[in-house]
């Protein structure tokens, strides 16, 4: 197997695969025991079953070239990320306000 050429698209896809545990809160993945990206890997394409032409087929408009493009187009994923980001920022703001209050109280002592 040849080592593929690392492009920005491939790097983004590999990053998304590494962080897949944070994408879906109800799904469990084992810990990723490797730092960095693998040297040897292959990328394939999904071939649709002709029997599922009308039922579970993805139309050509909905198909994307990379995993990151699919994730950016997924509305549920974006909604979940927005909600989590706002929760984290609110928590950081609350912690920062508490630290400012503690500094102010320490100055008065």
PDB file of N, CA and C in Angstrom:
ATOM      1  N   UNK A   1       0.846  -1.173   0.000  1.00  0.00           N
ATOM      2  CA  UNK A   1       0.000   0.000   0.000  1.00  0.00           C
ATOM      3  C   UNK A   1       0.892   1.238   0.000  1.00  0.00           C
ATOM      4  N   UNK A   2       0.594   2.162  -0.885  1.00  0.00           N
ATOM      5  CA  UNK A   2       1.342   3.412  -0.935  1.00  0.00           C
ATOM      6  C   UNK A   2       0.783   4.396   0.081  1.00  0.00           C
ATOM      7  N   UNK A   3       1.646   5.242   0.577  1.00  0.00           N
ATOM      8  CA  UNK A   3       1.206   6.313   1.465  1.00  0.00           C
ATOM      9  C   UNK A   3       0.589   7.408   0.594  1.00  0.00           C
ATOM     10  N   UNK A   4      -0.664   7.815   0.870  1.00  0.00           N
ATOM     11  CA  UNK A   4      -1.288   8.851   0.045  1.00  0.00           C
ATOM     12  C   UNK A   4      -0.693  10.223   0.323  1.00  0.00           C
ATOM     13  N   UNK A   5      -0.836  11.101  -0.634  1.00  0.00           N
ATOM     14  CA  UNK A   5      -0.354  12.472  -0.488  1.00  0.00           C
ATOM     15  C   UNK A   5      -1.293  13.217   0.448  1.00  0.00           C
ATOM     16  N   UNK A   6      -0.725  13.851   1.461  1.00  0.00           N
ATOM     17  CA  UNK A   6      -1.540  14.562   2.447  1.00  0.00           C
ATOM     18  C   UNK A   6      -1.903  15.944   1.935  1.00  0.00           C
ATOM     19  N   UNK A   7      -3.175  16.133   1.640  1.00  0.00           N
ATOM     20  CA  UNK A   7      -3.677  17.437   1.230  1.00  0.00           C
ATOM     21  C   UNK A   7      -4.460  18.021   2.398  1.00  0.00           C
ATOM     22  N   UNK A   8      -4.874  19.270   2.251  1.00  0.00           N
ATOM     23  CA  UNK A   8      -5.663  19.906   3.311  1.00  0.00           C
ATOM     24  C   UNK A   8      -6.994  19.199   3.509  1.00  0.00           C
ATOM     25  N   UNK A   9      -7.627  18.752   2.401  1.00  0.00           N
ATOM     26  CA  UNK A   9      -8.895  18.042   2.515  1.00  0.00           C
ATOM     27  C   UNK A   9      -8.727  16.741   3.299  1.00  0.00           C
ATOM     28  N   UNK A  10      -7.661  16.008   3.008  1.00  0.00           N
ATOM     29  CA  UNK A  10      -7.409  14.756   3.723  1.00  0.00           C
ATOM     30  C   UNK A  10      -7.131  15.014   5.197  1.00  0.00           C
ATOM     31  N   UNK A  11      -6.364  16.053   5.489  1.00  0.00           N
ATOM     32  CA  UNK A  11      -6.073  16.379   6.887  1.00  0.00           C
ATOM     33  C   UNK A  11      -7.352  16.716   7.640  1.00  0.00           C
ATOM     34  N   UNK A  12      -8.232  17.499   7.020  1.00  0.00           N
ATOM     35  CA  UNK A  12      -9.495  17.858   7.670  1.00  0.00           C
ATOM     36  C   UNK A  12     -10.369  16.631   7.902  1.00  0.00           C
ATOM     37  N   UNK A  13     -10.404  15.715   6.923  1.00  0.00           N
ATOM     38  CA  UNK A  13     -11.187  14.494   7.093  1.00  0.00           C
ATOM     39  C   UNK A  13     -10.628  13.628   8.216  1.00  0.00           C
ATOM     40  N   UNK A  14      -9.313  13.522   8.293  1.00  0.00           N
ATOM     41  CA  UNK A  14      -8.710  12.723   9.361  1.00  0.00           C
ATOM     42  C   UNK A  14      -8.940  13.363  10.731  1.00  0.00           C
ATOM     43  N   UNK A  15      -8.921  14.689  10.795  1.00  0.00           N
ATOM     44  CA  UNK A  15      -9.226  15.373  12.055  1.00  0.00           C
ATOM     45  C   UNK A  15     -10.663  15.090  12.480  1.00  0.00           C
ATOM     46  N   UNK A  16     -11.581  15.130  11.508  1.00  0.00           N
ATOM     47  CA  UNK A  16     -12.988  14.855  11.805  1.00  0.00           C
ATOM     48  C   UNK A  16     -13.164  13.424  12.301  1.00  0.00           C
ATOM     49  N   UNK A  17     -12.449  12.484  11.708  1.00  0.00           N
ATOM     50  CA  UNK A  17     -12.534  11.098  12.165  1.00  0.00           C
ATOM     51  C   UNK A  17     -11.952  10.936  13.563  1.00  0.00           C
ATOM     52  N   UNK A  18     -10.895  11.670  13.874  1.00  0.00           N
ATOM     53  CA  UNK A  18     -10.312  11.598  15.215  1.00  0.00           C
ATOM     54  C   UNK A  18     -11.266  12.152  16.268  1.00  0.00           C
ATOM     55  N   UNK A  19     -12.007  13.189  15.912  1.00  0.00           N
ATOM     56  CA  UNK A  19     -12.903  13.839  16.872  1.00  0.00           C
ATOM     57  C   UNK A  19     -14.338  13.347  16.763  1.00  0.00           C
ATOM     58  N   UNK A  20     -14.548  12.171  16.194  1.00  0.00           N
ATOM     59  CA  UNK A  20     -15.906  11.695  15.961  1.00  0.00           C
ATOM     60  C   UNK A  20     -16.657  11.415  17.249  1.00  0.00           C
ATOM     61  N   UNK A  21     -15.964  11.182  18.345  1.00  0.00           N
ATOM     62  CA  UNK A  21     -16.639  10.931  19.620  1.00  0.00           C
ATOM     63  C   UNK A  21     -17.358  12.185  20.112  1.00  0.00           C
ATOM     64  N   UNK A  22     -16.852  13.350  19.782  1.00  0.00           N
ATOM     65  CA  UNK A  22     -17.496  14.584  20.235  1.00  0.00           C
ATOM     66  C   UNK A  22     -18.624  15.016  19.312  1.00  0.00           C
ATOM     67  N   UNK A  23     -18.748  14.384  18.160  1.00  0.00           N
ATOM     68  CA  UNK A  23     -19.808  14.765  17.220  1.00  0.00           C
ATOM     69  C   UNK A  23     -21.169  14.232  17.630  1.00  0.00           C
ATOM     70  N   UNK A  24     -21.215  13.017  18.136  1.00  0.00           N
ATOM     71  CA  UNK A  24     -22.479  12.403  18.504  1.00  0.00           C
ATOM     72  C   UNK A  24     -22.430  12.032  19.977  1.00  0.00           C
ATOM     73  N   UNK A  25     -23.192  12.717  20.825  1.00  0.00           N
ATOM     74  CA  UNK A  25     -23.092  12.468  22.267  1.00  0.00           C
ATOM     75  C   UNK A  25     -23.648  11.108  22.683  1.00  0.00           C
ATOM     76  N   UNK A  26     -24.484  10.501  21.881  1.00  0.00           N
ATOM     77  CA  UNK A  26     -25.088   9.237  22.252  1.00  0.00           C
ATOM     78  C   UNK A  26     -24.312   8.027  21.743  1.00  0.00           C
ATOM     79  N   UNK A  27     -23.216   8.261  21.070  1.00  0.00           N
ATOM     80  CA  UNK A  27     -22.420   7.181  20.494  1.00  0.00           C
ATOM     81  C   UNK A  27     -21.085   7.099  21.216  1.00  0.00           C
ATOM     82  N   UNK A  28     -20.658   5.878  21.546  1.00  0.00           N
ATOM     83  CA  UNK A  28     -19.391   5.689  22.249  1.00  0.00           C
ATOM     84  C   UNK A  28     -18.343   5.156  21.289  1.00  0.00           C
ATOM     85  N   UNK A  29     -17.169   5.757  21.300  1.00  0.00           N
ATOM     86  CA  UNK A  29     -16.030   5.282  20.533  1.00  0.00           C
ATOM     87  C   UNK A  29     -14.871   5.054  21.489  1.00  0.00           C
ATOM     88  N   UNK A  30     -14.067   4.054  21.200  1.00  0.00           N
ATOM     89  CA  UNK A  30     -12.881   3.826  22.005  1.00  0.00           C
ATOM     90  C   UNK A  30     -11.940   5.010  21.893  1.00  0.00           C
ATOM     91  N   UNK A  31     -11.066   5.131  22.887  1.00  0.00           N
ATOM     92  CA  UNK A  31     -10.087   6.212  22.868  1.00  0.00           C
ATOM     93  C   UNK A  31      -9.148   6.013  21.688  1.00  0.00           C
ATOM     94  N   UNK A  32      -8.803   7.091  21.039  1.00  0.00           N
ATOM     95  CA  UNK A  32      -7.884   7.032  19.922  1.00  0.00           C
ATOM     96  C   UNK A  32      -6.475   7.010  20.496  1.00  0.00           C
ATOM     97  N   UNK A  33      -5.785   5.896  20.355  1.00  0.00           N
ATOM     98  CA  UNK A  33      -4.497   5.727  21.001  1.00  0.00           C
ATOM     99  C   UNK A  33      -3.327   6.251  20.203  1.00  0.00           C
ATOM    100  N   UNK A  34      -3.561   6.958  19.145  1.00  0.00           N
ATOM    101  CA  UNK A  34      -2.470   7.387  18.272  1.00  0.00           C
ATOM    102  C   UNK A  34      -2.432   8.911  18.191  1.00  0.00           C
ATOM    103  N   UNK A  35      -1.239   9.451  18.310  1.00  0.00           N
ATOM    104  CA  UNK A  35      -1.054  10.887  18.107  1.00  0.00           C
ATOM    105  C   UNK A  35      -0.693  11.105  16.650  1.00  0.00           C
ATOM    106  N   UNK A  36      -1.192  12.142  16.064  1.00  0.00           N
ATOM    107  CA  UNK A  36      -0.902  12.423  14.667  1.00  0.00           C
ATOM    108  C   UNK A  36      -1.766  11.589  13.740  1.00  0.00           C
ATOM    109  N   UNK A  37      -1.435  11.621  12.472  1.00  0.00           N
ATOM    110  CA  UNK A  37      -2.211  10.918  11.468  1.00  0.00           C
ATOM    111  C   UNK A  37      -1.488   9.640  11.059  1.00  0.00           C
ATOM    112  N   UNK A  38      -2.245   8.638  10.619  1.00  0.00           N
ATOM    113  CA  UNK A  38      -1.581   7.416  10.144  1.00  0.00           C
ATOM    114  C   UNK A  38      -0.827   7.678   8.847  1.00  0.00           C
ATOM    115  N   UNK A  39       0.238   6.933   8.642  1.00  0.00           N
ATOM    116  CA  UNK A  39       1.035   7.117   7.435  1.00  0.00           C
ATOM    117  C   UNK A  39       0.371   6.426   6.250  1.00  0.00           C
ATOM    118  N   UNK A  40      -0.175   5.237   6.480  1.00  0.00           N
ATOM    119  CA  UNK A  40      -0.792   4.464   5.411  1.00  0.00           C
ATOM    120  C   UNK A  40      -2.283   4.328   5.674  1.00  0.00           C
ATOM    121  N   UNK A  41      -3.081   4.717   4.725  1.00  0.00           N
ATOM    122  CA  UNK A  41      -4.532   4.549   4.810  1.00  0.00           C
ATOM    123  C   UNK A  41      -5.107   4.624   3.404  1.00  0.00           C
ATOM    124  N   UNK A  42      -6.342   4.183   3.277  1.00  0.00           N
ATOM    125  CA  UNK A  42      -7.021   4.222   1.990  1.00  0.00           C
ATOM    126  C   UNK A  42      -8.351   4.921   2.151  1.00  0.00           C
ATOM    127  N   UNK A  43      -8.797   5.544   1.082  1.00  0.00           N
ATOM    128  CA  UNK A  43     -10.083   6.218   1.062  1.00  0.00           C
ATOM    129  C   UNK A  43     -10.916   5.576  -0.030  1.00  0.00           C
ATOM    130  N   UNK A  44     -12.142   5.245   0.302  1.00  0.00           N
ATOM    131  CA  UNK A  44     -13.022   4.605  -0.665  1.00  0.00           C
ATOM    132  C   UNK A  44     -14.271   5.428  -0.898  1.00  0.00           C
ATOM    133  N   UNK A  45     -15.078   4.973  -1.796  1.00  0.00           N
ATOM    134  CA  UNK A  45     -16.361   5.614  -2.066  1.00  0.00           C
ATOM    135  C   UNK A  45     -17.470   4.614  -1.790  1.00  0.00           C
ATOM    136  N   UNK A  46     -18.589   5.102  -1.359  1.00  0.00           N
ATOM    137  CA  UNK A  46     -19.738   4.260  -1.071  1.00  0.00           C
ATOM    138  C   UNK A  46     -20.508   4.057  -2.366  1.00  0.00           C
ATOM    139  N   UNK A  47     -20.768   2.805  -2.681  1.00  0.00           N
ATOM    140  CA  UNK A  47     -21.517   2.481  -3.891  1.00  0.00           C
ATOM    141  C   UNK A  47     -22.917   2.074  -3.466  1.00  0.00           C
ATOM    142  N   UNK A  48     -23.926   2.733  -4.027  1.00  0.00           N
ATOM    143  CA  UNK A  48     -25.306   2.443  -3.674  1.00  0.00           C
ATOM    144  C   UNK A  48     -25.753   1.116  -4.258  1.00  0.00           C
ATOM    145  N   UNK A  49     -26.656   0.469  -3.534  1.00  0.00           N
ATOM    146  CA  UNK A  49     -27.263  -0.766  -3.994  1.00  0.00           C
ATOM    147  C   UNK A  49     -28.369  -0.413  -4.996  1.00  0.00           C
ATOM    148  N   UNK A  50     -28.380  -0.997  -6.176  1.00  0.00           N
ATOM    149  CA  UNK A  50     -29.414  -0.641  -7.157  1.00  0.00           C
ATOM    150  C   UNK A  50     -30.823  -1.008  -6.705  1.00  0.00           C
ATOM    151  N   UNK A  51     -30.953  -1.935  -5.765  1.00  0.00           N
ATOM    152  CA  UNK A  51     -32.281  -2.319  -5.277  1.00  0.00           C
ATOM    153  C   UNK A  51     -32.903  -1.220  -4.426  1.00  0.00           C
ATOM    154  N   UNK A  52     -32.076  -0.375  -3.822  1.00  0.00           N
ATOM    155  CA  UNK A  52     -32.571   0.704  -2.960  1.00  0.00           C
ATOM    156  C   UNK A  52     -32.654   2.025  -3.707  1.00  0.00           C
ATOM    157  N   UNK A  53     -32.952   1.987  -4.964  1.00  0.00           N
ATOM    158  CA  UNK A  53     -32.921   3.204  -5.773  1.00  0.00           C
ATOM    159  C   UNK A  53     -33.898   4.259  -5.274  1.00  0.00           C
ATOM    160  N   UNK A  54     -35.082   3.868  -4.864  1.00  0.00           N
ATOM    161  CA  UNK A  54     -36.090   4.856  -4.483  1.00  0.00           C
ATOM    162  C   UNK A  54     -36.182   5.081  -2.978  1.00  0.00           C
ATOM    163  N   UNK A  55     -35.699   4.159  -2.160  1.00  0.00           N
ATOM    164  CA  UNK A  55     -35.954   4.256  -0.726  1.00  0.00           C
ATOM    165  C   UNK A  55     -34.826   4.903   0.067  1.00  0.00           C
ATOM    166  N   UNK A  56     -33.662   4.325   0.046  1.00  0.00           N
ATOM    167  CA  UNK A  56     -32.600   4.831   0.920  1.00  0.00           C
ATOM    168  C   UNK A  56     -31.436   5.408   0.128  1.00  0.00           C
ATOM    169  N   UNK A  57     -31.730   5.950  -0.998  1.00  0.00           N
ATOM    170  CA  UNK A  57     -30.684   6.502  -1.851  1.00  0.00           C
ATOM    171  C   UNK A  57     -30.471   7.975  -1.521  1.00  0.00           C
ATOM    172  N   UNK A  58     -29.239   8.417  -1.603  1.00  0.00           N
ATOM    173  CA  UNK A  58     -28.918   9.829  -1.429  1.00  0.00           C
ATOM    174  C   UNK A  58     -28.834  10.445  -2.818  1.00  0.00           C
ATOM    175  N   UNK A  59     -29.540  11.547  -3.006  1.00  0.00           N
ATOM    176  CA  UNK A  59     -29.526  12.176  -4.320  1.00  0.00           C
ATOM    177  C   UNK A  59     -28.173  12.830  -4.591  1.00  0.00           C
ATOM    178  N   UNK A  60     -27.908  13.111  -5.844  1.00  0.00           N
ATOM    179  CA  UNK A  60     -26.616  13.689  -6.209  1.00  0.00           C
ATOM    180  C   UNK A  60     -26.419  15.068  -5.603  1.00  0.00           C
ATOM    181  N   UNK A  61     -27.501  15.807  -5.394  1.00  0.00           N
ATOM    182  CA  UNK A  61     -27.398  17.124  -4.765  1.00  0.00           C
ATOM    183  C   UNK A  61     -26.917  17.016  -3.328  1.00  0.00           C
ATOM    184  N   UNK A  62     -27.338  15.966  -2.638  1.00  0.00           N
ATOM    185  CA  UNK A  62     -26.990  15.810  -1.228  1.00  0.00           C
ATOM    186  C   UNK A  62     -25.608  15.202  -1.029  1.00  0.00           C
ATOM    187  N   UNK A  63     -25.032  14.607  -2.041  1.00  0.00           N
ATOM    188  CA  UNK A  63     -23.709  13.997  -1.907  1.00  0.00           C
ATOM    189  C   UNK A  63     -22.636  15.064  -1.841  1.00  0.00           C
ATOM    190  N   UNK A  64     -21.694  14.835  -0.991  1.00  0.00           N
ATOM    191  CA  UNK A  64     -20.575  15.762  -0.831  1.00  0.00           C
ATOM    192  C   UNK A  64     -19.281  15.031  -1.116  1.00  0.00           C
ATOM    193  N   UNK A  65     -18.219  15.797  -1.360  1.00  0.00           N
ATOM    194  CA  UNK A  65     -16.932  15.179  -1.701  1.00  0.00           C
ATOM    195  C   UNK A  65     -16.185  14.672  -0.489  1.00  0.00           C
ATOM    196  N   UNK A  66     -16.271  15.378   0.637  1.00  0.00           N
ATOM    197  CA  UNK A  66     -15.491  15.004   1.810  1.00  0.00           C
ATOM    198  C   UNK A  66     -16.389  14.891   3.038  1.00  0.00           C
ATOM    199  N   UNK A  67     -15.837  14.303   4.078  1.00  0.00           N
ATOM    200  CA  UNK A  67     -16.576  14.139   5.332  1.00  0.00           C
ATOM    201  C   UNK A  67     -16.868  15.499   5.958  1.00  0.00           C
ATOM    202  N   UNK A  68     -15.919  16.408   5.896  1.00  0.00           N
ATOM    203  CA  UNK A  68     -16.120  17.721   6.508  1.00  0.00           C
ATOM    204  C   UNK A  68     -17.240  18.486   5.805  1.00  0.00           C
ATOM    205  N   UNK A  69     -17.340  18.356   4.487  1.00  0.00           N
ATOM    206  CA  UNK A  69     -18.432  19.020   3.769  1.00  0.00           C
ATOM    207  C   UNK A  69     -19.779  18.438   4.180  1.00  0.00           C
ATOM    208  N   UNK A  70     -19.832  17.128   4.387  1.00  0.00           N
ATOM    209  CA  UNK A  70     -21.073  16.514   4.836  1.00  0.00           C
ATOM    210  C   UNK A  70     -21.459  17.004   6.220  1.00  0.00           C
ATOM    211  N   UNK A  71     -20.475  17.120   7.110  1.00  0.00           N
ATOM    212  CA  UNK A  71     -20.766  17.579   8.465  1.00  0.00           C
ATOM    213  C   UNK A  71     -21.227  19.030   8.481  1.00  0.00           C
ATOM    214  N   UNK A  72     -20.607  19.855   7.660  1.00  0.00           N
ATOM    215  CA  UNK A  72     -21.012  21.261   7.614  1.00  0.00           C
ATOM    216  C   UNK A  72     -22.409  21.428   7.033  1.00  0.00           C
ATOM    217  N   UNK A  73     -22.824  20.496   6.208  1.00  0.00           N
ATOM    218  CA  UNK A  73     -24.155  20.573   5.602  1.00  0.00           C
ATOM    219  C   UNK A  73     -25.229  19.979   6.515  1.00  0.00           C
ATOM    220  N   UNK A  74     -24.841  19.166   7.494  1.00  0.00           N
ATOM    221  CA  UNK A  74     -25.789  18.500   8.379  1.00  0.00           C
ATOM    222  C   UNK A  74     -26.333  19.494   9.397  1.00  0.00           C
ATOM    223  N   UNK A  75     -27.634  19.763   9.349  1.00  0.00           N
ATOM    224  CA  UNK A  75     -28.224  20.791  10.212  1.00  0.00           C
ATOM    225  C   UNK A  75     -28.256  20.353  11.678  1.00  0.00           C
ATOM    226  N   UNK A  76     -28.517  19.082  11.955  1.00  0.00           N
ATOM    227  CA  UNK A  76     -28.545  18.619  13.345  1.00  0.00           C
ATOM    228  C   UNK A  76     -27.164  18.742  13.983  1.00  0.00           C
ATOM    229  N   UNK A  77     -26.149  18.388  13.250  1.00  0.00           N
ATOM    230  CA  UNK A  77     -24.778  18.495  13.752  1.00  0.00           C
ATOM    231  C   UNK A  77     -24.437  19.949  14.049  1.00  0.00           C
ATOM    232  N   UNK A  78     -24.811  20.850  13.155  1.00  0.00           N
ATOM    233  CA  UNK A  78     -24.522  22.271  13.375  1.00  0.00           C
ATOM    234  C   UNK A  78     -25.291  22.805  14.573  1.00  0.00           C
ATOM    235  N   UNK A  79     -26.545  22.400  14.729  1.00  0.00           N
ATOM    236  CA  UNK A  79     -27.351  22.855  15.861  1.00  0.00           C
ATOM    237  C   UNK A  79     -26.730  22.369  17.172  1.00  0.00           C
ATOM    238  N   UNK A  80     -26.316  21.108  17.225  1.00  0.00           N
ATOM    239  CA  UNK A  80     -25.694  20.552  18.427  1.00  0.00           C
ATOM    240  C   UNK A  80     -24.402  21.297  18.747  1.00  0.00           C
ATOM    241  N   UNK A  81     -23.565  21.550  17.743  1.00  0.00           N
ATOM    242  CA  UNK A  81     -22.304  22.255  17.965  1.00  0.00           C
ATOM    243  C   UNK A  81     -22.531  23.678  18.448  1.00  0.00           C
ATOM    244  N   UNK A  82     -23.512  24.364  17.875  1.00  0.00           N
ATOM    245  CA  UNK A  82     -23.819  25.725  18.323  1.00  0.00           C
ATOM    246  C   UNK A  82     -24.240  25.743  19.783  1.00  0.00           C
ATOM    247  N   UNK A  83     -25.100  24.795  20.154  1.00  0.00           N
ATOM    248  CA  UNK A  83     -25.586  24.730  21.529  1.00  0.00           C
ATOM    249  C   UNK A  83     -24.434  24.440  22.490  1.00  0.00           C
ATOM    250  N   UNK A  84     -23.595  23.479  22.166  1.00  0.00           N
ATOM    251  CA  UNK A  84     -22.475  23.136  23.023  1.00  0.00           C
ATOM    252  C   UNK A  84     -21.489  24.296  23.144  1.00  0.00           C
ATOM    253  N   UNK A  85     -21.235  24.979  22.034  1.00  0.00           N
ATOM    254  CA  UNK A  85     -20.316  26.108  22.051  1.00  0.00           C
ATOM    255  C   UNK A  85     -20.855  27.212  22.962  1.00  0.00           C
ATOM    256  N   UNK A  86     -22.151  27.512  22.867  1.00  0.00           N
ATOM    257  CA  UNK A  86     -22.714  28.566  23.713  1.00  0.00           C
ATOM    258  C   UNK A  86     -22.677  28.159  25.188  1.00  0.00           C
ATOM    259  N   UNK A  87     -22.899  26.865  25.478  1.00  0.00           N
ATOM    260  CA  UNK A  87     -22.808  26.411  26.866  1.00  0.00           C
ATOM    261  C   UNK A  87     -21.387  26.581  27.404  1.00  0.00           C
ATOM    262  N   UNK A  88     -20.410  26.217  26.612  1.00  0.00           N
ATOM    263  CA  UNK A  88     -19.013  26.330  27.045  1.00  0.00           C
ATOM    264  C   UNK A  88     -18.629  27.788  27.248  1.00  0.00           C
ATOM    265  N   UNK A  89     -19.037  28.660  26.340  1.00  0.00           N
ATOM    266  CA  UNK A  89     -18.707  30.080  26.466  1.00  0.00           C
ATOM    267  C   UNK A  89     -19.399  30.693  27.676  1.00  0.00           C
ATOM    268  N   UNK A  90     -20.627  30.292  27.963  1.00  0.00           N
ATOM    269  CA  UNK A  90     -21.325  30.803  29.138  1.00  0.00           C
ATOM    270  C   UNK A  90     -20.616  30.339  30.413  1.00  0.00           C
ATOM    271  N   UNK A  91     -20.160  29.101  30.412  1.00  0.00           N
ATOM    272  CA  UNK A  91     -19.433  28.585  31.577  1.00  0.00           C
ATOM    273  C   UNK A  91     -18.116  29.322  31.774  1.00  0.00           C
ATOM    274  N   UNK A  92     -17.409  29.593  30.687  1.00  0.00           N
ATOM    275  CA  UNK A  92     -16.155  30.342  30.780  1.00  0.00           C
ATOM    276  C   UNK A  92     -16.399  31.758  31.274  1.00  0.00           C
ATOM    277  N   UNK A  93     -17.474  32.388  30.803  1.00  0.00           N
ATOM    278  CA  UNK A  93     -17.789  33.743  31.240  1.00  0.00           C
ATOM    279  C   UNK A  93     -18.123  33.762  32.730  1.00  0.00           C
ATOM    280  N   UNK A  94     -18.842  32.751  33.184  1.00  0.00           N
ATOM    281  CA  UNK A  94     -19.183  32.680  34.601  1.00  0.00           C
ATOM    282  C   UNK A  94     -17.925  32.476  35.441  1.00  0.00           C
ATOM    283  N   UNK A  95     -17.016  31.630  34.961  1.00  0.00           N
ATOM    284  CA  UNK A  95     -15.763  31.416  35.687  1.00  0.00           C
ATOM    285  C   UNK A  95     -14.921  32.685  35.713  1.00  0.00           C
ATOM    286  N   UNK A  96     -14.878  33.393  34.594  1.00  0.00           N
ATOM    287  CA  UNK A  96     -14.092  34.628  34.534  1.00  0.00           C
ATOM    288  C   UNK A  96     -14.679  35.672  35.469  1.00  0.00           C
ATOM    289  N   UNK A  97     -16.009  35.766  35.542  1.00  0.00           N
ATOM    290  CA  UNK A  97     -16.642  36.726  36.443  1.00  0.00           C
ATOM    291  C   UNK A  97     -16.330  36.373  37.892  1.00  0.00           C
ATOM    292  N   UNK A  98     -16.315  35.089  38.198  1.00  0.00           N
ATOM    293  CA  UNK A  98     -15.983  34.652  39.552  1.00  0.00           C
ATOM    294  C   UNK A  98     -14.543  34.967  39.906  1.00  0.00           C
ATOM    295  N   UNK A  99     -13.643  34.816  38.957  1.00  0.00           N
ATOM    296  CA  UNK A  99     -12.227  35.116  39.207  1.00  0.00           C
ATOM    297  C   UNK A  99     -12.026  36.607  39.425  1.00  0.00           C
ATOM    298  N   UNK A 100     -12.743  37.438  38.657  1.00  0.00           N
ATOM    299  CA  UNK A 100     -12.636  38.889  38.839  1.00  0.00           C
ATOM    300  C   UNK A 100     -13.120  39.278  40.230  1.00  0.00           C
ATOM    301  N   UNK A 101     -14.212  38.635  40.655  1.00  0.00           N
ATOM    302  CA  UNK A 101     -14.750  38.928  41.978  1.00  0.00           C
ATOM    303  C   UNK A 101     -13.750  38.520  43.059  1.00  0.00           C
ATOM    304  N   UNK A 102     -13.117  37.370  42.863  1.00  0.00           N
ATOM    305  CA  UNK A 102     -12.128  36.898  43.845  1.00  0.00           C
ATOM    306  C   UNK A 102     -10.925  37.848  43.895  1.00  0.00           C
ATOM    307  N   UNK A 103     -10.478  38.330  42.762  1.00  0.00           N
ATOM    308  CA  UNK A 103      -9.354  39.265  42.742  1.00  0.00           C
ATOM    309  C   UNK A 103      -9.709  40.552  43.465  1.00  0.00           C
ATOM    310  N   UNK A 104     -10.941  41.024  43.246  1.00  0.00           N
ATOM    311  CA  UNK A 104     -11.378  42.256  43.878  1.00  0.00           C
ATOM    312  C   UNK A 104     -11.449  42.082  45.400  1.00  0.00           C
ATOM    313  N   UNK A 105     -11.947  40.927  45.848  1.00  0.00           N
ATOM    314  CA  UNK A 105     -12.039  40.673  47.287  1.00  0.00           C
ATOM    315  C   UNK A 105     -10.639  40.531  47.884  1.00  0.00           C
ATOM    316  N   UNK A 106      -9.705  39.943  47.175  1.00  0.00           N
ATOM    317  CA  UNK A 106      -8.359  39.780  47.687  1.00  0.00           C
ATOM    318  C   UNK A 106      -7.634  41.121  47.803  1.00  0.00           C
ATOM    319  N   UNK A 107      -7.957  42.065  46.924  1.00  0.00           N
ATOM    320  CA  UNK A 107      -7.341  43.393  47.008  1.00  0.00           C
ATOM    321  C   UNK A 107      -7.813  44.135  48.250  1.00  0.00           C
ATOM    322  N   UNK A 108      -9.054  43.935  48.637  1.00  0.00           N
ATOM    323  CA  UNK A 108      -9.619  44.648  49.776  1.00  0.00           C
ATOM    324  C   UNK A 108      -9.068  44.124  51.110  1.00  0.00           C
ATOM    325  N   UNK A 109      -8.523  42.945  51.101  1.00  0.00           N
ATOM    326  CA  UNK A 109      -8.032  42.351  52.358  1.00  0.00           C
ATOM    327  C   UNK A 109      -6.705  42.919  52.744  1.00  0.00           C
TER     328      UNK A 109
END
